[in-house]
Amino acid sequence: MKSEPDECSIDDVIAMRGHKVPWFGVRNYQARNFMRDEMRVGDGVLFYHSSCAQPGIAGLAEVASKPYPDQTQFDPASTYYDPKSTRDEPRWVNVDVKALRKTRLVPIDELRAHAELSDMVVLRRGNRLSITPVTETEWKFISKRLLSKPA
């Protein structure tokens, strides 16, 4: 799950009560569908910093709630407001994400350097999705081989 660190970083979430944050503002149907249809409470999350000087994995987190309507879609003052969405038929959902720990930053270039991760969705050229699936094999490789290295 990607977040811009100046909007919400792994440090920000760790500092929050309960280390949880609603993952709001997703306005891409494919990313929404991943969150709505495929994520389960307890699923692991690679907390990825994007749109910054050094994009990459910055921490580990987990899905901490079932999907529920993203309240920002109903707020005309929000940049995430969707006038076509109604409370009876909301278009957009979010899940709560709980930060587990900050990790050393694993930059995108380091991820791309491993053939074992060559099919990883987040590494595809032109990928703009803020939420992408990670296979069990990719998860194990990253957590055992990359996140276990010292900073």
N, C-alpha and C. Protein backbone atom coordinates (compact mmCIF):
# COMPACT_ATOMS: atom_id res chain seq x y z
N MET A 1 0.85 -1.17 0.00
CA MET A 1 0.00 0.00 0.00
C MET A 1 0.89 1.23 0.00
N LYS A 2 0.68 2.10 -0.98
CA LYS A 2 1.51 3.30 -1.14
C LYS A 2 0.89 4.49 -0.42
N SER A 3 1.76 5.28 0.18
CA SER A 3 1.35 6.54 0.79
C SER A 3 2.46 7.55 0.56
N GLU A 4 2.06 8.79 0.34
CA GLU A 4 3.05 9.84 0.24
C GLU A 4 3.45 10.22 1.66
N PRO A 5 4.74 10.15 1.99
CA PRO A 5 5.15 10.37 3.37
C PRO A 5 4.83 11.75 3.92
N ASP A 6 4.69 12.75 3.04
CA ASP A 6 4.31 14.07 3.57
C ASP A 6 2.82 14.14 3.90
N GLU A 7 2.06 13.15 3.44
CA GLU A 7 0.64 13.06 3.79
C GLU A 7 0.43 12.09 4.95
N CYS A 8 1.04 10.91 4.88
CA CYS A 8 0.94 9.91 5.95
C CYS A 8 2.10 8.94 5.81
N SER A 9 3.07 9.05 6.71
CA SER A 9 4.25 8.18 6.67
C SER A 9 4.10 7.05 7.67
N ILE A 10 4.99 6.08 7.60
CA ILE A 10 5.00 5.00 8.58
C ILE A 10 5.22 5.58 9.97
N ASP A 11 6.05 6.62 10.09
CA ASP A 11 6.28 7.27 11.39
C ASP A 11 4.99 7.91 11.91
N ASP A 12 4.22 8.52 11.01
CA ASP A 12 2.95 9.13 11.42
C ASP A 12 2.01 8.08 12.01
N VAL A 13 1.91 6.93 11.35
CA VAL A 13 0.99 5.89 11.82
C VAL A 13 1.48 5.31 13.14
N ILE A 14 2.77 5.09 13.28
CA ILE A 14 3.30 4.57 14.53
C ILE A 14 3.01 5.54 15.69
N ALA A 15 3.01 6.83 15.40
CA ALA A 15 2.75 7.84 16.43
C ALA A 15 1.26 7.94 16.80
N MET A 16 0.39 7.39 15.98
CA MET A 16 -1.05 7.47 16.25
C MET A 16 -1.47 6.50 17.34
N ARG A 17 -2.52 6.86 18.03
CA ARG A 17 -3.10 5.98 19.04
C ARG A 17 -3.50 4.66 18.37
N GLY A 18 -3.04 3.57 18.92
CA GLY A 18 -3.34 2.26 18.36
C GLY A 18 -2.55 1.93 17.11
N HIS A 19 -1.71 2.86 16.67
CA HIS A 19 -0.89 2.66 15.46
C HIS A 19 -1.75 2.35 14.24
N LYS A 20 -2.98 2.89 14.19
CA LYS A 20 -3.89 2.60 13.09
C LYS A 20 -4.31 3.86 12.36
N VAL A 21 -4.57 3.68 11.07
CA VAL A 21 -5.05 4.79 10.24
C VAL A 21 -6.04 4.23 9.22
N PRO A 22 -7.14 4.97 8.96
CA PRO A 22 -8.01 4.55 7.85
C PRO A 22 -7.32 4.87 6.53
N TRP A 23 -7.28 3.91 5.62
CA TRP A 23 -6.62 4.10 4.32
C TRP A 23 -7.64 4.71 3.37
N PHE A 24 -7.84 6.02 3.50
CA PHE A 24 -8.89 6.71 2.76
C PHE A 24 -8.35 7.36 1.49
N GLY A 25 -9.27 7.82 0.66
CA GLY A 25 -8.90 8.59 -0.51
C GLY A 25 -8.56 7.77 -1.74
N VAL A 26 -8.74 6.46 -1.70
CA VAL A 26 -8.47 5.63 -2.87
C VAL A 26 -9.58 5.90 -3.89
N ARG A 27 -9.20 6.38 -5.07
CA ARG A 27 -10.19 6.73 -6.09
C ARG A 27 -9.87 6.06 -7.43
N ASN A 28 -9.42 4.85 -7.35
CA ASN A 28 -9.20 4.02 -8.53
C ASN A 28 -9.97 2.74 -8.29
N TYR A 29 -10.79 2.35 -9.26
CA TYR A 29 -11.66 1.19 -9.05
C TYR A 29 -10.88 -0.10 -8.83
N GLN A 30 -9.79 -0.28 -9.54
CA GLN A 30 -9.01 -1.51 -9.38
C GLN A 30 -8.40 -1.58 -7.98
N ALA A 31 -7.83 -0.47 -7.51
CA ALA A 31 -7.25 -0.43 -6.16
C ALA A 31 -8.36 -0.62 -5.11
N ARG A 32 -9.50 0.02 -5.34
CA ARG A 32 -10.64 -0.15 -4.44
C ARG A 32 -11.06 -1.61 -4.37
N ASN A 33 -11.11 -2.27 -5.52
CA ASN A 33 -11.53 -3.67 -5.55
C ASN A 33 -10.55 -4.57 -4.80
N PHE A 34 -9.26 -4.29 -4.90
CA PHE A 34 -8.28 -5.06 -4.12
C PHE A 34 -8.62 -4.92 -2.63
N MET A 35 -8.87 -3.69 -2.21
CA MET A 35 -9.14 -3.43 -0.80
C MET A 35 -10.48 -4.05 -0.39
N ARG A 36 -11.49 -3.88 -1.20
CA ARG A 36 -12.84 -4.35 -0.87
C ARG A 36 -12.98 -5.86 -0.95
N ASP A 37 -12.38 -6.47 -1.98
CA ASP A 37 -12.68 -7.88 -2.28
C ASP A 37 -11.59 -8.86 -1.85
N GLU A 38 -10.35 -8.39 -1.72
CA GLU A 38 -9.26 -9.33 -1.49
C GLU A 38 -8.58 -9.21 -0.14
N MET A 39 -8.64 -8.04 0.47
CA MET A 39 -7.96 -7.86 1.76
C MET A 39 -8.80 -8.44 2.89
N ARG A 40 -8.09 -9.06 3.83
CA ARG A 40 -8.73 -9.63 5.02
C ARG A 40 -8.00 -9.11 6.25
N VAL A 41 -8.74 -8.99 7.36
CA VAL A 41 -8.13 -8.58 8.62
C VAL A 41 -6.96 -9.51 8.92
N GLY A 42 -5.83 -8.93 9.25
CA GLY A 42 -4.62 -9.70 9.55
C GLY A 42 -3.69 -9.87 8.37
N ASP A 43 -4.13 -9.56 7.16
CA ASP A 43 -3.24 -9.65 5.99
C ASP A 43 -2.07 -8.69 6.17
N GLY A 44 -0.89 -9.13 5.76
CA GLY A 44 0.29 -8.28 5.83
C GLY A 44 0.25 -7.17 4.80
N VAL A 45 0.89 -6.07 5.13
CA VAL A 45 0.96 -4.90 4.25
C VAL A 45 2.40 -4.42 4.20
N LEU A 46 2.91 -4.22 3.00
CA LEU A 46 4.18 -3.53 2.82
C LEU A 46 3.83 -2.04 2.73
N PHE A 47 4.24 -1.28 3.72
CA PHE A 47 3.95 0.15 3.77
C PHE A 47 4.99 0.85 2.91
N TYR A 48 4.55 1.37 1.77
CA TYR A 48 5.43 1.86 0.73
C TYR A 48 5.31 3.38 0.64
N HIS A 49 6.43 4.09 0.73
CA HIS A 49 6.44 5.54 0.54
C HIS A 49 6.61 5.83 -0.94
N SER A 50 5.74 6.69 -1.47
CA SER A 50 5.80 7.03 -2.89
C SER A 50 5.80 8.55 -3.06
N SER A 51 6.04 8.98 -4.29
CA SER A 51 6.06 10.41 -4.62
C SER A 51 6.95 11.20 -3.67
N CYS A 52 8.15 10.67 -3.49
CA CYS A 52 9.12 11.31 -2.59
C CYS A 52 10.52 11.11 -3.18
N ALA A 53 11.51 11.68 -2.54
CA ALA A 53 12.89 11.60 -3.05
C ALA A 53 13.36 10.16 -3.22
N GLN A 54 13.01 9.30 -2.28
CA GLN A 54 13.44 7.89 -2.35
C GLN A 54 12.24 6.99 -2.08
N PRO A 55 11.49 6.62 -3.13
CA PRO A 55 10.36 5.71 -2.94
C PRO A 55 10.83 4.32 -2.54
N GLY A 56 10.04 3.65 -1.71
CA GLY A 56 10.37 2.28 -1.34
C GLY A 56 9.59 1.83 -0.12
N ILE A 57 9.83 0.59 0.27
CA ILE A 57 9.18 0.01 1.44
C ILE A 57 9.80 0.65 2.68
N ALA A 58 8.93 1.18 3.55
CA ALA A 58 9.39 1.87 4.75
C ALA A 58 8.95 1.17 6.03
N GLY A 59 8.06 0.18 5.91
CA GLY A 59 7.60 -0.49 7.11
C GLY A 59 6.67 -1.64 6.81
N LEU A 60 6.33 -2.35 7.87
CA LEU A 60 5.37 -3.45 7.79
C LEU A 60 4.13 -3.07 8.57
N ALA A 61 3.00 -3.48 8.05
CA ALA A 61 1.71 -3.18 8.67
C ALA A 61 0.79 -4.36 8.42
N GLU A 62 -0.45 -4.24 8.90
CA GLU A 62 -1.44 -5.27 8.63
C GLU A 62 -2.80 -4.62 8.47
N VAL A 63 -3.67 -5.31 7.74
CA VAL A 63 -5.05 -4.87 7.60
C VAL A 63 -5.71 -5.08 8.96
N ALA A 64 -6.35 -4.01 9.48
CA ALA A 64 -6.90 -4.05 10.83
C ALA A 64 -8.41 -3.93 10.88
N SER A 65 -9.08 -3.90 9.72
CA SER A 65 -10.54 -3.84 9.71
C SER A 65 -11.07 -4.40 8.40
N LYS A 66 -12.33 -4.72 8.41
CA LYS A 66 -13.02 -5.04 7.16
C LYS A 66 -13.24 -3.72 6.42
N PRO A 67 -13.49 -3.80 5.11
CA PRO A 67 -13.77 -2.56 4.36
C PRO A 67 -15.04 -1.89 4.87
N TYR A 68 -15.03 -0.57 4.86
CA TYR A 68 -16.21 0.21 5.24
C TYR A 68 -16.20 1.50 4.42
N PRO A 69 -17.34 2.17 4.29
CA PRO A 69 -17.40 3.36 3.43
C PRO A 69 -16.40 4.44 3.84
N ASP A 70 -15.70 4.95 2.86
CA ASP A 70 -14.76 6.05 3.04
C ASP A 70 -15.57 7.33 3.21
N GLN A 71 -15.51 7.92 4.38
CA GLN A 71 -16.33 9.10 4.69
C GLN A 71 -15.94 10.33 3.87
N THR A 72 -14.73 10.38 3.35
CA THR A 72 -14.31 11.57 2.60
C THR A 72 -15.10 11.72 1.31
N GLN A 73 -15.68 10.64 0.79
CA GLN A 73 -16.45 10.73 -0.45
C GLN A 73 -17.72 11.56 -0.28
N PHE A 74 -18.18 11.74 0.95
CA PHE A 74 -19.42 12.47 1.22
C PHE A 74 -19.19 13.92 1.64
N ASP A 75 -17.94 14.31 1.80
CA ASP A 75 -17.61 15.63 2.33
C ASP A 75 -17.23 16.59 1.20
N PRO A 76 -18.11 17.56 0.88
CA PRO A 76 -17.81 18.49 -0.22
C PRO A 76 -16.53 19.29 -0.02
N ALA A 77 -16.06 19.41 1.21
CA ALA A 77 -14.83 20.17 1.47
C ALA A 77 -13.58 19.30 1.25
N SER A 78 -13.75 17.99 1.07
CA SER A 78 -12.62 17.08 0.90
C SER A 78 -12.16 17.02 -0.55
N THR A 79 -10.86 16.88 -0.75
CA THR A 79 -10.35 16.69 -2.12
C THR A 79 -10.79 15.32 -2.66
N TYR A 80 -11.27 14.44 -1.78
CA TYR A 80 -11.72 13.11 -2.19
C TYR A 80 -13.23 13.02 -2.33
N TYR A 81 -13.91 14.15 -2.31
CA TYR A 81 -15.37 14.19 -2.45
C TYR A 81 -15.79 13.62 -3.80
N ASP A 82 -16.85 12.82 -3.78
CA ASP A 82 -17.42 12.25 -4.99
C ASP A 82 -18.92 12.55 -5.01
N PRO A 83 -19.35 13.54 -5.78
CA PRO A 83 -20.76 13.92 -5.77
C PRO A 83 -21.71 12.82 -6.26
N LYS A 84 -21.18 11.82 -6.96
CA LYS A 84 -22.03 10.73 -7.46
C LYS A 84 -22.19 9.60 -6.44
N SER A 85 -21.45 9.66 -5.35
CA SER A 85 -21.53 8.63 -4.33
C SER A 85 -22.56 9.03 -3.28
N THR A 86 -23.37 8.06 -2.86
CA THR A 86 -24.37 8.33 -1.83
C THR A 86 -24.15 7.42 -0.64
N ARG A 87 -24.70 7.81 0.49
CA ARG A 87 -24.58 6.98 1.69
C ARG A 87 -25.29 5.64 1.50
N ASP A 88 -26.35 5.62 0.70
CA ASP A 88 -27.05 4.36 0.42
C ASP A 88 -26.27 3.47 -0.54
N GLU A 89 -25.53 4.10 -1.43
CA GLU A 89 -24.72 3.36 -2.40
C GLU A 89 -23.33 4.00 -2.52
N PRO A 90 -22.50 3.80 -1.49
CA PRO A 90 -21.16 4.39 -1.55
C PRO A 90 -20.30 3.71 -2.61
N ARG A 91 -19.50 4.49 -3.29
CA ARG A 91 -18.59 3.95 -4.31
C ARG A 91 -17.26 3.52 -3.73
N TRP A 92 -16.85 4.19 -2.66
CA TRP A 92 -15.48 4.08 -2.18
C TRP A 92 -15.43 3.53 -0.77
N VAL A 93 -14.44 2.68 -0.53
CA VAL A 93 -14.26 2.08 0.79
C VAL A 93 -12.83 2.33 1.26
N ASN A 94 -12.63 2.09 2.53
CA ASN A 94 -11.27 2.03 3.06
C ASN A 94 -11.21 0.92 4.08
N VAL A 95 -10.01 0.56 4.45
CA VAL A 95 -9.76 -0.35 5.56
C VAL A 95 -8.85 0.38 6.52
N ASP A 96 -8.85 -0.05 7.76
CA ASP A 96 -7.87 0.46 8.70
C ASP A 96 -6.59 -0.33 8.53
N VAL A 97 -5.47 0.36 8.62
CA VAL A 97 -4.16 -0.25 8.51
C VAL A 97 -3.42 0.01 9.81
N LYS A 98 -2.86 -1.04 10.39
CA LYS A 98 -2.12 -0.93 11.64
C LYS A 98 -0.63 -1.11 11.36
N ALA A 99 0.15 -0.11 11.72
CA ALA A 99 1.60 -0.19 11.55
C ALA A 99 2.16 -1.17 12.57
N LEU A 100 3.00 -2.09 12.11
CA LEU A 100 3.65 -3.05 13.00
C LEU A 100 5.06 -2.61 13.36
N ARG A 101 5.80 -2.17 12.34
CA ARG A 101 7.14 -1.67 12.62
C ARG A 101 7.70 -0.95 11.41
N LYS A 102 8.55 0.01 11.71
CA LYS A 102 9.31 0.69 10.67
C LYS A 102 10.45 -0.24 10.30
N THR A 103 10.83 -0.24 9.04
CA THR A 103 11.94 -1.05 8.57
C THR A 103 12.99 -0.11 7.96
N ARG A 104 14.10 -0.68 7.61
CA ARG A 104 15.02 0.11 6.80
C ARG A 104 14.29 0.40 5.50
N LEU A 105 14.59 1.50 4.87
CA LEU A 105 13.97 1.81 3.58
C LEU A 105 14.55 0.87 2.53
N VAL A 106 13.68 0.17 1.84
CA VAL A 106 14.10 -0.69 0.73
C VAL A 106 13.68 0.04 -0.54
N PRO A 107 14.61 0.74 -1.19
CA PRO A 107 14.27 1.57 -2.35
C PRO A 107 13.78 0.74 -3.54
N ILE A 108 13.02 1.38 -4.37
CA ILE A 108 12.45 0.73 -5.55
C ILE A 108 13.56 0.14 -6.43
N ASP A 109 14.69 0.81 -6.53
CA ASP A 109 15.79 0.28 -7.35
C ASP A 109 16.31 -1.04 -6.79
N GLU A 110 16.36 -1.16 -5.47
CA GLU A 110 16.80 -2.41 -4.86
C GLU A 110 15.77 -3.52 -5.13
N LEU A 111 14.49 -3.18 -5.05
CA LEU A 111 13.46 -4.18 -5.36
C LEU A 111 13.59 -4.65 -6.80
N ARG A 112 13.81 -3.71 -7.71
CA ARG A 112 13.94 -4.05 -9.14
C ARG A 112 15.18 -4.88 -9.44
N ALA A 113 16.17 -4.84 -8.58
CA ALA A 113 17.44 -5.54 -8.82
C ALA A 113 17.33 -7.05 -8.59
N HIS A 114 16.21 -7.52 -8.06
CA HIS A 114 16.05 -8.94 -7.74
C HIS A 114 15.11 -9.62 -8.74
N ALA A 115 15.64 -10.59 -9.46
CA ALA A 115 14.84 -11.33 -10.44
C ALA A 115 13.60 -11.97 -9.80
N GLU A 116 13.71 -12.33 -8.52
CA GLU A 116 12.60 -12.97 -7.81
C GLU A 116 11.39 -12.04 -7.70
N LEU A 117 11.61 -10.74 -7.89
CA LEU A 117 10.52 -9.77 -7.77
C LEU A 117 10.12 -9.16 -9.11
N SER A 118 10.61 -9.73 -10.20
CA SER A 118 10.40 -9.13 -11.52
C SER A 118 8.94 -9.02 -11.93
N ASP A 119 8.08 -9.85 -11.38
CA ASP A 119 6.65 -9.80 -11.73
C ASP A 119 5.82 -9.01 -10.71
N MET A 120 6.45 -8.43 -9.74
CA MET A 120 5.74 -7.70 -8.69
C MET A 120 4.98 -6.52 -9.30
N VAL A 121 3.70 -6.43 -9.00
CA VAL A 121 2.82 -5.44 -9.63
C VAL A 121 3.32 -4.01 -9.39
N VAL A 122 3.74 -3.70 -8.18
CA VAL A 122 4.16 -2.34 -7.87
C VAL A 122 5.38 -1.91 -8.69
N LEU A 123 6.14 -2.87 -9.21
CA LEU A 123 7.35 -2.56 -9.98
C LEU A 123 7.11 -2.43 -11.47
N ARG A 124 5.92 -2.70 -11.92
CA ARG A 124 5.62 -2.59 -13.35
C ARG A 124 5.72 -1.14 -13.78
N ARG A 125 6.39 -0.91 -14.88
CA ARG A 125 6.52 0.43 -15.43
C ARG A 125 5.13 0.99 -15.71
N GLY A 126 4.94 2.23 -15.31
CA GLY A 126 3.66 2.89 -15.54
C GLY A 126 2.60 2.57 -14.48
N ASN A 127 2.92 1.71 -13.51
CA ASN A 127 1.94 1.40 -12.47
C ASN A 127 1.65 2.65 -11.64
N ARG A 128 0.40 3.00 -11.51
CA ARG A 128 0.01 4.17 -10.72
C ARG A 128 -0.90 3.79 -9.56
N LEU A 129 -1.15 2.49 -9.39
CA LEU A 129 -2.06 2.06 -8.34
C LEU A 129 -1.44 2.24 -6.96
N SER A 130 -2.25 2.70 -6.02
CA SER A 130 -1.77 2.89 -4.65
C SER A 130 -1.86 1.61 -3.83
N ILE A 131 -2.62 0.66 -4.33
CA ILE A 131 -2.77 -0.63 -3.66
C ILE A 131 -2.59 -1.72 -4.70
N THR A 132 -1.64 -2.62 -4.43
CA THR A 132 -1.40 -3.73 -5.35
C THR A 132 -1.19 -5.00 -4.54
N PRO A 133 -1.57 -6.13 -5.11
CA PRO A 133 -1.36 -7.39 -4.40
C PRO A 133 0.12 -7.78 -4.40
N VAL A 134 0.48 -8.55 -3.39
CA VAL A 134 1.83 -9.10 -3.25
C VAL A 134 1.65 -10.60 -3.08
N THR A 135 2.36 -11.39 -3.88
CA THR A 135 2.22 -12.84 -3.76
C THR A 135 2.92 -13.32 -2.48
N GLU A 136 2.58 -14.52 -2.07
CA GLU A 136 3.22 -15.11 -0.89
C GLU A 136 4.72 -15.25 -1.11
N THR A 137 5.12 -15.65 -2.32
CA THR A 137 6.53 -15.80 -2.64
C THR A 137 7.26 -14.45 -2.54
N GLU A 138 6.65 -13.39 -3.09
CA GLU A 138 7.25 -12.05 -3.02
C GLU A 138 7.36 -11.59 -1.56
N TRP A 139 6.29 -11.82 -0.79
CA TRP A 139 6.28 -11.43 0.62
C TRP A 139 7.43 -12.10 1.38
N LYS A 140 7.57 -13.40 1.19
CA LYS A 140 8.62 -14.15 1.89
C LYS A 140 10.00 -13.67 1.48
N PHE A 141 10.21 -13.44 0.19
CA PHE A 141 11.51 -12.97 -0.28
C PHE A 141 11.84 -11.61 0.35
N ILE A 142 10.90 -10.69 0.31
CA ILE A 142 11.14 -9.35 0.85
C ILE A 142 11.37 -9.40 2.35
N SER A 143 10.52 -10.11 3.07
CA SER A 143 10.65 -10.11 4.52
C SER A 143 11.88 -10.87 5.01
N LYS A 144 12.25 -11.94 4.33
CA LYS A 144 13.40 -12.74 4.79
C LYS A 144 14.73 -12.24 4.23
N ARG A 145 14.74 -11.80 2.97
CA ARG A 145 16.00 -11.45 2.33
C ARG A 145 16.31 -9.95 2.39
N LEU A 146 15.28 -9.11 2.29
CA LEU A 146 15.55 -7.66 2.19
C LEU A 146 15.33 -6.93 3.50
N LEU A 147 14.27 -7.26 4.21
CA LEU A 147 13.97 -6.53 5.44
C LEU A 147 14.78 -7.01 6.63
N SER A 148 15.44 -8.14 6.48
CA SER A 148 16.28 -8.64 7.57
C SER A 148 17.68 -8.03 7.53
N LYS A 149 18.01 -7.35 6.42
CA LYS A 149 19.32 -6.69 6.32
C LYS A 149 19.34 -5.45 7.21
N PRO A 150 20.49 -5.14 7.81
CA PRO A 150 20.57 -3.90 8.61
C PRO A 150 20.50 -2.67 7.72
N ALA A 151 20.13 -1.57 8.32
CA ALA A 151 20.01 -0.29 7.57
C ALA A 151 21.35 0.16 7.06
